[in-house]
Amino acid sequence: MKKDRSAEDKICDLDIQKVTFFYRWKLDYSGMNTTQMSELKALREENQKLKTMYADMAIDNKALKDVLSKKF
């Protein structure tokens, strides 16, 4: 008599994580041409640079506030 395998065992065998990643990627990028993909890449790179700039400015702002809040 063959025992039913648990859903967890089946998921591990199919490596659902990779399958899910593929379908998610397909949903996000299907229908895009190479120009759109390169524009998306450029926008993501620019967004990362802006986030870094914002983080640096926030640190500088906090440091200035700390210096100005000290009593002389």
N, C-alpha and C. Protein backbone atom coordinates (compact mmCIF):
# COMPACT_ATOMS: atom_id res chain seq x y z
N MET A 1 0.84 -1.18 0.00
CA MET A 1 0.00 0.00 0.00
C MET A 1 0.89 1.25 0.00
N LYS A 2 0.65 2.14 -0.92
CA LYS A 2 1.44 3.35 -1.07
C LYS A 2 0.84 4.46 -0.21
N LYS A 3 1.69 5.08 0.61
CA LYS A 3 1.22 6.17 1.46
C LYS A 3 1.17 7.46 0.65
N ASP A 4 0.19 8.27 0.97
CA ASP A 4 0.13 9.59 0.35
C ASP A 4 1.23 10.46 0.94
N ARG A 5 1.91 11.14 0.07
CA ARG A 5 2.96 12.03 0.53
C ARG A 5 2.35 13.35 0.94
N SER A 6 2.99 13.99 1.88
CA SER A 6 2.48 15.27 2.35
C SER A 6 2.70 16.33 1.28
N ALA A 7 1.95 17.39 1.39
CA ALA A 7 2.09 18.50 0.44
C ALA A 7 3.49 19.09 0.53
N GLU A 8 4.04 19.13 1.71
CA GLU A 8 5.38 19.69 1.90
C GLU A 8 6.42 18.88 1.13
N ASP A 9 6.31 17.54 1.15
CA ASP A 9 7.23 16.70 0.40
C ASP A 9 7.11 16.95 -1.10
N LYS A 10 5.88 17.10 -1.57
CA LYS A 10 5.66 17.35 -2.99
C LYS A 10 6.24 18.69 -3.41
N ILE A 11 6.06 19.69 -2.55
CA ILE A 11 6.59 21.02 -2.83
C ILE A 11 8.11 20.97 -2.92
N CYS A 12 8.74 20.25 -1.99
CA CYS A 12 10.21 20.13 -2.01
C CYS A 12 10.67 19.44 -3.28
N ASP A 13 9.95 18.40 -3.70
CA ASP A 13 10.33 17.68 -4.91
C ASP A 13 10.22 18.56 -6.15
N LEU A 14 9.21 19.39 -6.22
CA LEU A 14 9.00 20.23 -7.39
C LEU A 14 9.82 21.51 -7.33
N ASP A 15 10.41 21.78 -6.18
CA ASP A 15 11.14 23.03 -5.97
C ASP A 15 10.26 24.21 -6.35
N ILE A 16 9.17 24.31 -5.64
CA ILE A 16 8.13 25.32 -5.91
C ILE A 16 8.70 26.73 -5.92
N GLN A 17 9.69 26.98 -5.11
CA GLN A 17 10.26 28.32 -5.05
C GLN A 17 10.77 28.77 -6.42
N LYS A 18 11.46 27.88 -7.11
CA LYS A 18 11.98 28.23 -8.44
C LYS A 18 10.84 28.40 -9.44
N VAL A 19 9.84 27.53 -9.34
CA VAL A 19 8.70 27.61 -10.25
C VAL A 19 7.95 28.92 -10.02
N THR A 20 7.73 29.26 -8.76
CA THR A 20 7.03 30.50 -8.43
C THR A 20 7.81 31.70 -8.94
N PHE A 21 9.12 31.67 -8.77
CA PHE A 21 9.96 32.76 -9.25
C PHE A 21 9.81 32.93 -10.76
N PHE A 22 9.82 31.82 -11.49
CA PHE A 22 9.71 31.89 -12.93
C PHE A 22 8.38 32.52 -13.35
N TYR A 23 7.28 32.06 -12.78
CA TYR A 23 5.99 32.59 -13.17
C TYR A 23 5.82 34.05 -12.76
N ARG A 24 6.40 34.40 -11.62
CA ARG A 24 6.35 35.80 -11.20
C ARG A 24 7.15 36.67 -12.17
N TRP A 25 8.32 36.19 -12.56
CA TRP A 25 9.15 36.91 -13.51
C TRP A 25 8.41 37.04 -14.83
N LYS A 26 7.76 35.95 -15.25
CA LYS A 26 7.02 35.97 -16.51
C LYS A 26 5.89 36.99 -16.46
N LEU A 27 5.17 37.07 -15.36
CA LEU A 27 4.09 38.04 -15.21
C LEU A 27 4.62 39.47 -15.28
N ASP A 28 5.76 39.71 -14.65
CA ASP A 28 6.32 41.06 -14.60
C ASP A 28 6.89 41.51 -15.94
N TYR A 29 7.53 40.60 -16.67
CA TYR A 29 8.30 41.02 -17.84
C TYR A 29 7.76 40.54 -19.18
N SER A 30 6.75 39.71 -19.18
CA SER A 30 6.25 39.24 -20.47
C SER A 30 5.60 40.40 -21.21
N GLY A 31 5.79 40.45 -22.49
CA GLY A 31 5.21 41.51 -23.29
C GLY A 31 6.12 42.72 -23.44
N MET A 32 7.25 42.73 -22.71
CA MET A 32 8.17 43.85 -22.84
C MET A 32 9.16 43.57 -23.97
N ASN A 33 9.49 44.61 -24.71
CA ASN A 33 10.53 44.44 -25.72
C ASN A 33 11.87 44.87 -25.12
N THR A 34 12.93 44.76 -25.88
CA THR A 34 14.26 45.04 -25.33
C THR A 34 14.43 46.50 -24.94
N THR A 35 13.80 47.40 -25.67
CA THR A 35 13.88 48.82 -25.33
C THR A 35 13.25 49.09 -23.98
N GLN A 36 12.09 48.52 -23.76
CA GLN A 36 11.41 48.69 -22.49
C GLN A 36 12.21 48.08 -21.34
N MET A 37 12.82 46.94 -21.60
CA MET A 37 13.63 46.29 -20.57
C MET A 37 14.83 47.16 -20.21
N SER A 38 15.48 47.74 -21.20
CA SER A 38 16.64 48.58 -20.92
C SER A 38 16.22 49.86 -20.19
N GLU A 39 15.06 50.41 -20.54
CA GLU A 39 14.55 51.59 -19.83
C GLU A 39 14.24 51.25 -18.38
N LEU A 40 13.65 50.08 -18.16
CA LEU A 40 13.35 49.64 -16.80
C LEU A 40 14.63 49.48 -15.99
N LYS A 41 15.65 48.90 -16.60
CA LYS A 41 16.93 48.73 -15.92
C LYS A 41 17.53 50.09 -15.56
N ALA A 42 17.48 51.02 -16.50
CA ALA A 42 18.02 52.37 -16.25
C ALA A 42 17.25 53.06 -15.12
N LEU A 43 15.94 52.92 -15.12
CA LEU A 43 15.13 53.53 -14.06
C LEU A 43 15.44 52.91 -12.70
N ARG A 44 15.64 51.62 -12.66
CA ARG A 44 15.97 50.97 -11.39
C ARG A 44 17.33 51.42 -10.89
N GLU A 45 18.30 51.57 -11.80
CA GLU A 45 19.62 52.05 -11.40
C GLU A 45 19.54 53.48 -10.87
N GLU A 46 18.78 54.33 -11.56
CA GLU A 46 18.61 55.71 -11.12
C GLU A 46 17.91 55.76 -9.76
N ASN A 47 16.91 54.92 -9.59
CA ASN A 47 16.20 54.86 -8.32
C ASN A 47 17.14 54.47 -7.18
N GLN A 48 18.03 53.52 -7.44
CA GLN A 48 18.98 53.11 -6.42
C GLN A 48 19.93 54.25 -6.06
N LYS A 49 20.38 54.99 -7.07
CA LYS A 49 21.26 56.14 -6.81
C LYS A 49 20.54 57.19 -5.98
N LEU A 50 19.28 57.45 -6.31
CA LEU A 50 18.50 58.45 -5.56
C LEU A 50 18.28 58.01 -4.12
N LYS A 51 18.04 56.74 -3.92
CA LYS A 51 17.87 56.23 -2.55
C LYS A 51 19.15 56.40 -1.74
N THR A 52 20.29 56.14 -2.39
CA THR A 52 21.58 56.32 -1.72
C THR A 52 21.81 57.79 -1.38
N MET A 53 21.51 58.67 -2.33
CA MET A 53 21.67 60.10 -2.09
C MET A 53 20.78 60.56 -0.94
N TYR A 54 19.55 60.07 -0.91
CA TYR A 54 18.62 60.44 0.16
C TYR A 54 19.14 59.96 1.51
N ALA A 55 19.65 58.75 1.56
CA ALA A 55 20.17 58.21 2.81
C ALA A 55 21.35 59.05 3.31
N ASP A 56 22.24 59.43 2.39
CA ASP A 56 23.39 60.26 2.77
C ASP A 56 22.92 61.62 3.29
N MET A 57 21.96 62.22 2.61
CA MET A 57 21.46 63.53 3.04
C MET A 57 20.74 63.43 4.38
N ALA A 58 20.03 62.35 4.62
CA ALA A 58 19.33 62.16 5.89
C ALA A 58 20.35 62.05 7.03
N ILE A 59 21.46 61.36 6.79
CA ILE A 59 22.50 61.24 7.81
C ILE A 59 23.12 62.60 8.09
N ASP A 60 23.43 63.35 7.02
CA ASP A 60 24.00 64.69 7.19
C ASP A 60 23.03 65.60 7.95
N ASN A 61 21.76 65.53 7.60
CA ASN A 61 20.74 66.35 8.25
C ASN A 61 20.66 66.02 9.75
N LYS A 62 20.70 64.74 10.08
CA LYS A 62 20.63 64.33 11.48
C LYS A 62 21.85 64.82 12.23
N ALA A 63 23.03 64.74 11.61
CA ALA A 63 24.26 65.21 12.25
C ALA A 63 24.20 66.71 12.51
N LEU A 64 23.70 67.46 11.52
CA LEU A 64 23.57 68.91 11.71
C LEU A 64 22.58 69.26 12.81
N LYS A 65 21.48 68.55 12.86
CA LYS A 65 20.50 68.79 13.93
C LYS A 65 21.09 68.48 15.30
N ASP A 66 21.89 67.43 15.37
CA ASP A 66 22.52 67.09 16.64
C ASP A 66 23.50 68.17 17.08
N VAL A 67 24.27 68.70 16.15
CA VAL A 67 25.23 69.75 16.45
C VAL A 67 24.50 71.02 16.88
N LEU A 68 23.43 71.38 16.16
CA LEU A 68 22.72 72.61 16.48
C LEU A 68 21.91 72.50 17.78
N SER A 69 21.54 71.31 18.15
CA SER A 69 20.73 71.16 19.36
C SER A 69 21.56 71.22 20.64
N LYS A 70 22.87 71.09 20.53
CA LYS A 70 23.74 71.16 21.70
C LYS A 70 23.82 72.60 22.19
N LYS A 71 23.80 72.76 23.50
CA LYS A 71 23.89 74.11 24.08
C LYS A 71 25.35 74.50 24.22
N PHE A 72 25.65 75.71 23.84
CA PHE A 72 27.03 76.19 23.92
C PHE A 72 27.26 76.92 25.19
